[in-house]
Amino acid sequence: MSAISPAQSRAARGLLDWSRDRLSAECGVAKRTIVRFEAEEGETRASTLAAIRAALETAGVEFIAENGGGPGVRLRKLG
């Protein structure tokens, strides 16, 4: 599992219509840590990034690797 970028986290929350409070509740990471990560303030632990990513993926987000077009996110196709 690769790390996610702050922009991917913000975009994923937007697709899900999740606040930082909701993401915090879903992944067990303090809201202030999410705020700092998304604002690109300081380093974020790999375990924290994994928890954020797992919560967003469980909710239906797919992370798109940087493959020449830049990293991205999308919602998983249902059905």
PDB file of N, CA and C in Angstrom:
ATOM      1  N   MET A   1       0.857  -1.185   0.000  1.00  0.00           N
ATOM      2  CA  MET A   1       0.000   0.000   0.000  1.00  0.00           C
ATOM      3  C   MET A   1       0.895   1.238   0.000  1.00  0.00           C
ATOM      4  N   SER A   2       0.711   2.072  -0.978  1.00  0.00           N
ATOM      5  CA  SER A   2       1.537   3.277  -1.054  1.00  0.00           C
ATOM      6  C   SER A   2       0.890   4.408  -0.260  1.00  0.00           C
ATOM      7  N   ALA A   3       1.702   5.390   0.062  1.00  0.00           N
ATOM      8  CA  ALA A   3       1.210   6.548   0.806  1.00  0.00           C
ATOM      9  C   ALA A   3       0.271   7.365  -0.074  1.00  0.00           C
ATOM     10  N   ILE A   4      -0.584   8.109   0.563  1.00  0.00           N
ATOM     11  CA  ILE A   4      -1.461   9.020  -0.162  1.00  0.00           C
ATOM     12  C   ILE A   4      -0.973  10.442   0.065  1.00  0.00           C
ATOM     13  N   SER A   5      -1.330  11.320  -0.842  1.00  0.00           N
ATOM     14  CA  SER A   5      -0.931  12.721  -0.720  1.00  0.00           C
ATOM     15  C   SER A   5      -2.019  13.509   0.008  1.00  0.00           C
ATOM     16  N   PRO A   6      -1.652  14.658   0.555  1.00  0.00           N
ATOM     17  CA  PRO A   6      -2.662  15.520   1.172  1.00  0.00           C
ATOM     18  C   PRO A   6      -3.788  15.881   0.195  1.00  0.00           C
ATOM     19  N   ALA A   7      -3.433  16.138  -1.064  1.00  0.00           N
ATOM     20  CA  ALA A   7      -4.455  16.483  -2.061  1.00  0.00           C
ATOM     21  C   ALA A   7      -5.408  15.317  -2.301  1.00  0.00           C
ATOM     22  N   GLN A   8      -4.880  14.102  -2.317  1.00  0.00           N
ATOM     23  CA  GLN A   8      -5.737  12.926  -2.489  1.00  0.00           C
ATOM     24  C   GLN A   8      -6.690  12.777  -1.307  1.00  0.00           C
ATOM     25  N   SER A   9      -6.209  13.038  -0.108  1.00  0.00           N
ATOM     26  CA  SER A   9      -7.070  12.951   1.071  1.00  0.00           C
ATOM     27  C   SER A   9      -8.204  13.974   0.984  1.00  0.00           C
ATOM     28  N   ARG A  10      -7.867  15.207   0.651  1.00  0.00           N
ATOM     29  CA  ARG A  10      -8.898  16.251   0.518  1.00  0.00           C
ATOM     30  C   ARG A  10      -9.909  15.893  -0.561  1.00  0.00           C
ATOM     31  N   ALA A  11      -9.404  15.412  -1.704  1.00  0.00           N
ATOM     32  CA  ALA A  11     -10.295  15.050  -2.809  1.00  0.00           C
ATOM     33  C   ALA A  11     -11.193  13.879  -2.442  1.00  0.00           C
ATOM     34  N   ALA A  12     -10.632  12.888  -1.761  1.00  0.00           N
ATOM     35  CA  ALA A  12     -11.421  11.725  -1.355  1.00  0.00           C
ATOM     36  C   ALA A  12     -12.530  12.135  -0.387  1.00  0.00           C
ATOM     37  N   ARG A  13     -12.206  13.002   0.549  1.00  0.00           N
ATOM     38  CA  ARG A  13     -13.250  13.478   1.470  1.00  0.00           C
ATOM     39  C   ARG A  13     -14.335  14.215   0.704  1.00  0.00           C
ATOM     40  N   GLY A  14     -13.934  14.976  -0.304  1.00  0.00           N
ATOM     41  CA  GLY A  14     -14.906  15.702  -1.121  1.00  0.00           C
ATOM     42  C   GLY A  14     -15.841  14.762  -1.864  1.00  0.00           C
ATOM     43  N   LEU A  15     -15.275  13.698  -2.442  1.00  0.00           N
ATOM     44  CA  LEU A  15     -16.107  12.724  -3.158  1.00  0.00           C
ATOM     45  C   LEU A  15     -17.114  12.055  -2.224  1.00  0.00           C
ATOM     46  N   LEU A  16     -16.694  11.820  -0.996  1.00  0.00           N
ATOM     47  CA  LEU A  16     -17.566  11.153  -0.020  1.00  0.00           C
ATOM     48  C   LEU A  16     -18.452  12.131   0.744  1.00  0.00           C
ATOM     49  N   ASP A  17     -18.193  13.429   0.588  1.00  0.00           N
ATOM     50  CA  ASP A  17     -18.869  14.472   1.360  1.00  0.00           C
ATOM     51  C   ASP A  17     -18.625  14.261   2.854  1.00  0.00           C
ATOM     52  N   TRP A  18     -17.371  13.951   3.185  1.00  0.00           N
ATOM     53  CA  TRP A  18     -16.964  13.741   4.579  1.00  0.00           C
ATOM     54  C   TRP A  18     -16.233  14.967   5.100  1.00  0.00           C
ATOM     55  N   SER A  19     -16.550  15.349   6.310  1.00  0.00           N
ATOM     56  CA  SER A  19     -15.793  16.379   7.005  1.00  0.00           C
ATOM     57  C   SER A  19     -14.533  15.750   7.603  1.00  0.00           C
ATOM     58  N   ARG A  20     -13.652  16.572   8.095  1.00  0.00           N
ATOM     59  CA  ARG A  20     -12.481  16.042   8.806  1.00  0.00           C
ATOM     60  C   ARG A  20     -12.921  15.321  10.082  1.00  0.00           C
ATOM     61  N   ASP A  21     -13.982  15.796  10.700  1.00  0.00           N
ATOM     62  CA  ASP A  21     -14.512  15.113  11.889  1.00  0.00           C
ATOM     63  C   ASP A  21     -14.949  13.692  11.540  1.00  0.00           C
ATOM     64  N   ARG A  22     -15.624  13.538  10.413  1.00  0.00           N
ATOM     65  CA  ARG A  22     -16.090  12.208   9.996  1.00  0.00           C
ATOM     66  C   ARG A  22     -14.904  11.294   9.697  1.00  0.00           C
ATOM     67  N   LEU A  23     -13.914  11.802   8.970  1.00  0.00           N
ATOM     68  CA  LEU A  23     -12.737  10.997   8.674  1.00  0.00           C
ATOM     69  C   LEU A  23     -12.026  10.601   9.961  1.00  0.00           C
ATOM     70  N   SER A  24     -11.919  11.523  10.879  1.00  0.00           N
ATOM     71  CA  SER A  24     -11.286  11.232  12.168  1.00  0.00           C
ATOM     72  C   SER A  24     -12.005  10.092  12.884  1.00  0.00           C
ATOM     73  N   ALA A  25     -13.323  10.151  12.906  1.00  0.00           N
ATOM     74  CA  ALA A  25     -14.112   9.102  13.555  1.00  0.00           C
ATOM     75  C   ALA A  25     -13.958   7.755  12.851  1.00  0.00           C
ATOM     76  N   GLU A  26     -13.886   7.779  11.533  1.00  0.00           N
ATOM     77  CA  GLU A  26     -13.812   6.536  10.762  1.00  0.00           C
ATOM     78  C   GLU A  26     -12.439   5.867  10.845  1.00  0.00           C
ATOM     79  N   CYS A  27     -11.376   6.664  10.964  1.00  0.00           N
ATOM     80  CA  CYS A  27     -10.032   6.070  10.938  1.00  0.00           C
ATOM     81  C   CYS A  27      -9.330   6.055  12.280  1.00  0.00           C
ATOM     82  N   GLY A  28      -9.898   6.728  13.289  1.00  0.00           N
ATOM     83  CA  GLY A  28      -9.280   6.724  14.610  1.00  0.00           C
ATOM     84  C   GLY A  28      -8.049   7.615  14.717  1.00  0.00           C
ATOM     85  N   VAL A  29      -7.937   8.583  13.826  1.00  0.00           N
ATOM     86  CA  VAL A  29      -6.826   9.539  13.846  1.00  0.00           C
ATOM     87  C   VAL A  29      -7.378  10.875  14.324  1.00  0.00           C
ATOM     88  N   ALA A  30      -6.641  11.558  15.183  1.00  0.00           N
ATOM     89  CA  ALA A  30      -7.097  12.842  15.716  1.00  0.00           C
ATOM     90  C   ALA A  30      -7.337  13.843  14.582  1.00  0.00           C
ATOM     91  N   LYS A  31      -8.394  14.629  14.726  1.00  0.00           N
ATOM     92  CA  LYS A  31      -8.722  15.624  13.705  1.00  0.00           C
ATOM     93  C   LYS A  31      -7.553  16.563  13.468  1.00  0.00           C
ATOM     94  N   ARG A  32      -6.873  16.993  14.519  1.00  0.00           N
ATOM     95  CA  ARG A  32      -5.764  17.931  14.344  1.00  0.00           C
ATOM     96  C   ARG A  32      -4.630  17.318  13.508  1.00  0.00           C
ATOM     97  N   THR A  33      -4.469  16.003  13.602  1.00  0.00           N
ATOM     98  CA  THR A  33      -3.461  15.319  12.781  1.00  0.00           C
ATOM     99  C   THR A  33      -3.870  15.346  11.311  1.00  0.00           C
ATOM    100  N   ILE A  34      -5.152  15.132  11.051  1.00  0.00           N
ATOM    101  CA  ILE A  34      -5.671  15.187   9.683  1.00  0.00           C
ATOM    102  C   ILE A  34      -5.516  16.601   9.120  1.00  0.00           C
ATOM    103  N   VAL A  35      -5.839  17.596   9.921  1.00  0.00           N
ATOM    104  CA  VAL A  35      -5.699  18.996   9.495  1.00  0.00           C
ATOM    105  C   VAL A  35      -4.247  19.281   9.125  1.00  0.00           C
ATOM    106  N   ARG A  36      -3.312  18.875   9.976  1.00  0.00           N
ATOM    107  CA  ARG A  36      -1.883  19.106   9.715  1.00  0.00           C
ATOM    108  C   ARG A  36      -1.429  18.366   8.450  1.00  0.00           C
ATOM    109  N   PHE A  37      -1.870  17.122   8.294  1.00  0.00           N
ATOM    110  CA  PHE A  37      -1.497  16.350   7.115  1.00  0.00           C
ATOM    111  C   PHE A  37      -2.011  17.023   5.846  1.00  0.00           C
ATOM    112  N   GLU A  38      -3.302  17.359   5.817  1.00  0.00           N
ATOM    113  CA  GLU A  38      -3.890  17.945   4.618  1.00  0.00           C
ATOM    114  C   GLU A  38      -3.333  19.335   4.308  1.00  0.00           C
ATOM    115  N   ALA A  39      -2.825  20.024   5.333  1.00  0.00           N
ATOM    116  CA  ALA A  39      -2.206  21.338   5.135  1.00  0.00           C
ATOM    117  C   ALA A  39      -0.714  21.216   4.837  1.00  0.00           C
ATOM    118  N   GLU A  40      -0.223  19.974   4.783  1.00  0.00           N
ATOM    119  CA  GLU A  40       1.188  19.691   4.499  1.00  0.00           C
ATOM    120  C   GLU A  40       2.114  20.329   5.519  1.00  0.00           C
ATOM    121  N   GLU A  41       1.724  20.213   6.788  1.00  0.00           N
ATOM    122  CA  GLU A  41       2.519  20.757   7.889  1.00  0.00           C
ATOM    123  C   GLU A  41       3.233  19.612   8.604  1.00  0.00           C
ATOM    124  N   GLY A  42       4.506  19.462   8.354  1.00  0.00           N
ATOM    125  CA  GLY A  42       5.288  18.449   9.041  1.00  0.00           C
ATOM    126  C   GLY A  42       5.130  17.069   8.425  1.00  0.00           C
ATOM    127  N   GLU A  43       5.774  16.110   9.054  1.00  0.00           N
ATOM    128  CA  GLU A  43       5.745  14.721   8.602  1.00  0.00           C
ATOM    129  C   GLU A  43       4.571  13.985   9.236  1.00  0.00           C
ATOM    130  N   THR A  44       4.019  13.025   8.515  1.00  0.00           N
ATOM    131  CA  THR A  44       2.927  12.198   9.022  1.00  0.00           C
ATOM    132  C   THR A  44       3.403  10.752   9.027  1.00  0.00           C
ATOM    133  N   ARG A  45       3.167  10.068  10.136  1.00  0.00           N
ATOM    134  CA  ARG A  45       3.601   8.677  10.270  1.00  0.00           C
ATOM    135  C   ARG A  45       2.952   7.785   9.219  1.00  0.00           C
ATOM    136  N   ALA A  46       3.701   6.784   8.805  1.00  0.00           N
ATOM    137  CA  ALA A  46       3.189   5.824   7.824  1.00  0.00           C
ATOM    138  C   ALA A  46       1.947   5.113   8.346  1.00  0.00           C
ATOM    139  N   SER A  47       1.920   4.798   9.629  1.00  0.00           N
ATOM    140  CA  SER A  47       0.757   4.109  10.202  1.00  0.00           C
ATOM    141  C   SER A  47      -0.481   5.003  10.186  1.00  0.00           C
ATOM    142  N   THR A  48      -0.289   6.300  10.347  1.00  0.00           N
ATOM    143  CA  THR A  48      -1.400   7.255  10.283  1.00  0.00           C
ATOM    144  C   THR A  48      -1.943   7.332   8.868  1.00  0.00           C
ATOM    145  N   LEU A  49      -1.030   7.425   7.884  1.00  0.00           N
ATOM    146  CA  LEU A  49      -1.456   7.473   6.489  1.00  0.00           C
ATOM    147  C   LEU A  49      -2.188   6.191   6.097  1.00  0.00           C
ATOM    148  N   ALA A  50      -1.720   5.065   6.607  1.00  0.00           N
ATOM    149  CA  ALA A  50      -2.372   3.786   6.306  1.00  0.00           C
ATOM    150  C   ALA A  50      -3.780   3.751   6.875  1.00  0.00           C
ATOM    151  N   ALA A  51      -3.973   4.290   8.080  1.00  0.00           N
ATOM    152  CA  ALA A  51      -5.303   4.307   8.699  1.00  0.00           C
ATOM    153  C   ALA A  51      -6.259   5.209   7.919  1.00  0.00           C
ATOM    154  N   ILE A  52      -5.767   6.365   7.503  1.00  0.00           N
ATOM    155  CA  ILE A  52      -6.592   7.282   6.707  1.00  0.00           C
ATOM    156  C   ILE A  52      -6.973   6.626   5.384  1.00  0.00           C
ATOM    157  N   ARG A  53      -5.981   6.062   4.715  1.00  0.00           N
ATOM    158  CA  ARG A  53      -6.237   5.418   3.424  1.00  0.00           C
ATOM    159  C   ARG A  53      -7.230   4.268   3.562  1.00  0.00           C
ATOM    160  N   ALA A  54      -7.056   3.438   4.575  1.00  0.00           N
ATOM    161  CA  ALA A  54      -7.944   2.286   4.771  1.00  0.00           C
ATOM    162  C   ALA A  54      -9.388   2.727   4.986  1.00  0.00           C
ATOM    163  N   ALA A  55      -9.592   3.765   5.781  1.00  0.00           N
ATOM    164  CA  ALA A  55     -10.955   4.250   6.030  1.00  0.00           C
ATOM    165  C   ALA A  55     -11.596   4.764   4.746  1.00  0.00           C
ATOM    166  N   LEU A  56     -10.831   5.511   3.963  1.00  0.00           N
ATOM    167  CA  LEU A  56     -11.366   6.050   2.717  1.00  0.00           C
ATOM    168  C   LEU A  56     -11.632   4.943   1.701  1.00  0.00           C
ATOM    169  N   GLU A  57     -10.757   3.954   1.628  1.00  0.00           N
ATOM    170  CA  GLU A  57     -10.975   2.840   0.706  1.00  0.00           C
ATOM    171  C   GLU A  57     -12.184   2.007   1.132  1.00  0.00           C
ATOM    172  N   THR A  58     -12.362   1.800   2.414  1.00  0.00           N
ATOM    173  CA  THR A  58     -13.525   1.052   2.913  1.00  0.00           C
ATOM    174  C   THR A  58     -14.824   1.754   2.525  1.00  0.00           C
ATOM    175  N   ALA A  59     -14.768   3.088   2.463  1.00  0.00           N
ATOM    176  CA  ALA A  59     -15.952   3.876   2.092  1.00  0.00           C
ATOM    177  C   ALA A  59     -16.176   3.929   0.585  1.00  0.00           C
ATOM    178  N   GLY A  60     -15.246   3.363  -0.205  1.00  0.00           N
ATOM    179  CA  GLY A  60     -15.466   3.290  -1.643  1.00  0.00           C
ATOM    180  C   GLY A  60     -14.529   4.101  -2.509  1.00  0.00           C
ATOM    181  N   VAL A  61     -13.509   4.700  -1.920  1.00  0.00           N
ATOM    182  CA  VAL A  61     -12.557   5.495  -2.696  1.00  0.00           C
ATOM    183  C   VAL A  61     -11.467   4.583  -3.245  1.00  0.00           C
ATOM    184  N   GLU A  62     -11.088   4.822  -4.492  1.00  0.00           N
ATOM    185  CA  GLU A  62      -9.932   4.160  -5.095  1.00  0.00           C
ATOM    186  C   GLU A  62      -8.869   5.215  -5.325  1.00  0.00           C
ATOM    187  N   PHE A  63      -7.646   4.913  -4.931  1.00  0.00           N
ATOM    188  CA  PHE A  63      -6.529   5.826  -5.145  1.00  0.00           C
ATOM    189  C   PHE A  63      -5.831   5.434  -6.426  1.00  0.00           C
ATOM    190  N   ILE A  64      -5.594   6.416  -7.273  1.00  0.00           N
ATOM    191  CA  ILE A  64      -4.967   6.203  -8.572  1.00  0.00           C
ATOM    192  C   ILE A  64      -3.514   6.634  -8.453  1.00  0.00           C
ATOM    193  N   ALA A  65      -2.621   5.723  -8.775  1.00  0.00           N
ATOM    194  CA  ALA A  65      -1.188   6.010  -8.685  1.00  0.00           C
ATOM    195  C   ALA A  65      -0.781   7.024  -9.741  1.00  0.00           C
ATOM    196  N   GLU A  66       0.314   7.701  -9.458  1.00  0.00           N
ATOM    197  CA  GLU A  66       0.865   8.628 -10.447  1.00  0.00           C
ATOM    198  C   GLU A  66       1.473   7.803 -11.563  1.00  0.00           C
ATOM    199  N   ASN A  67       0.875   7.899 -12.732  1.00  0.00           N
ATOM    200  CA  ASN A  67       1.325   7.103 -13.874  1.00  0.00           C
ATOM    201  C   ASN A  67       1.472   7.987 -15.097  1.00  0.00           C
ATOM    202  N   GLY A  68       2.078   9.113 -14.889  1.00  0.00           N
ATOM    203  CA  GLY A  68       2.264  10.052 -15.982  1.00  0.00           C
ATOM    204  C   GLY A  68       1.254  11.176 -15.974  1.00  0.00           C
ATOM    205  N   GLY A  69       0.085  10.915 -15.410  1.00  0.00           N
ATOM    206  CA  GLY A  69      -0.961  11.927 -15.360  1.00  0.00           C
ATOM    207  C   GLY A  69      -1.142  12.529 -13.987  1.00  0.00           C
ATOM    208  N   GLY A  70      -0.377  12.059 -13.021  1.00  0.00           N
ATOM    209  CA  GLY A  70      -0.494  12.548 -11.644  1.00  0.00           C
ATOM    210  C   GLY A  70      -1.418  11.664 -10.828  1.00  0.00           C
ATOM    211  N   PRO A  71      -1.225  11.669  -9.517  1.00  0.00           N
ATOM    212  CA  PRO A  71      -2.057  10.847  -8.645  1.00  0.00           C
ATOM    213  C   PRO A  71      -3.486  11.392  -8.596  1.00  0.00           C
ATOM    214  N   GLY A  72      -4.424  10.514  -8.273  1.00  0.00           N
ATOM    215  CA  GLY A  72      -5.815  10.937  -8.204  1.00  0.00           C
ATOM    216  C   GLY A  72      -6.650  10.036  -7.331  1.00  0.00           C
ATOM    217  N   VAL A  73      -7.947  10.270  -7.344  1.00  0.00           N
ATOM    218  CA  VAL A  73      -8.918   9.463  -6.604  1.00  0.00           C
ATOM    219  C   VAL A  73     -10.175   9.331  -7.435  1.00  0.00           C
ATOM    220  N   ARG A  74     -10.915   8.290  -7.176  1.00  0.00           N
ATOM    221  CA  ARG A  74     -12.233   8.109  -7.794  1.00  0.00           C
ATOM    222  C   ARG A  74     -13.056   7.217  -6.891  1.00  0.00           C
ATOM    223  N   LEU A  75     -14.356   7.214  -7.095  1.00  0.00           N
ATOM    224  CA  LEU A  75     -15.226   6.311  -6.349  1.00  0.00           C
ATOM    225  C   LEU A  75     -15.297   4.984  -7.079  1.00  0.00           C
ATOM    226  N   ARG A  76     -15.270   3.921  -6.308  1.00  0.00           N
ATOM    227  CA  ARG A  76     -15.365   2.574  -6.872  1.00  0.00           C
ATOM    228  C   ARG A  76     -16.739   2.394  -7.513  1.00  0.00           C
ATOM    229  N   LYS A  77     -16.749   1.739  -8.646  1.00  0.00           N
ATOM    230  CA  LYS A  77     -17.997   1.460  -9.358  1.00  0.00           C
ATOM    231  C   LYS A  77     -18.795   0.431  -8.572  1.00  0.00           C
ATOM    232  N   LEU A  78     -20.033   0.724  -8.326  1.00  0.00           N
ATOM    233  CA  LEU A  78     -20.900  -0.200  -7.589  1.00  0.00           C
ATOM    234  C   LEU A  78     -21.464  -1.251  -8.523  1.00  0.00           C
ATOM    235  N   GLY A  79     -21.592  -2.473  -7.962  1.00  0.00           N
ATOM    236  CA  GLY A  79     -22.225  -3.541  -8.717  1.00  0.00           C
ATOM    237  C   GLY A  79     -21.357  -4.140  -9.667  1.00  0.00           C
TER     238      GLY A  79
END
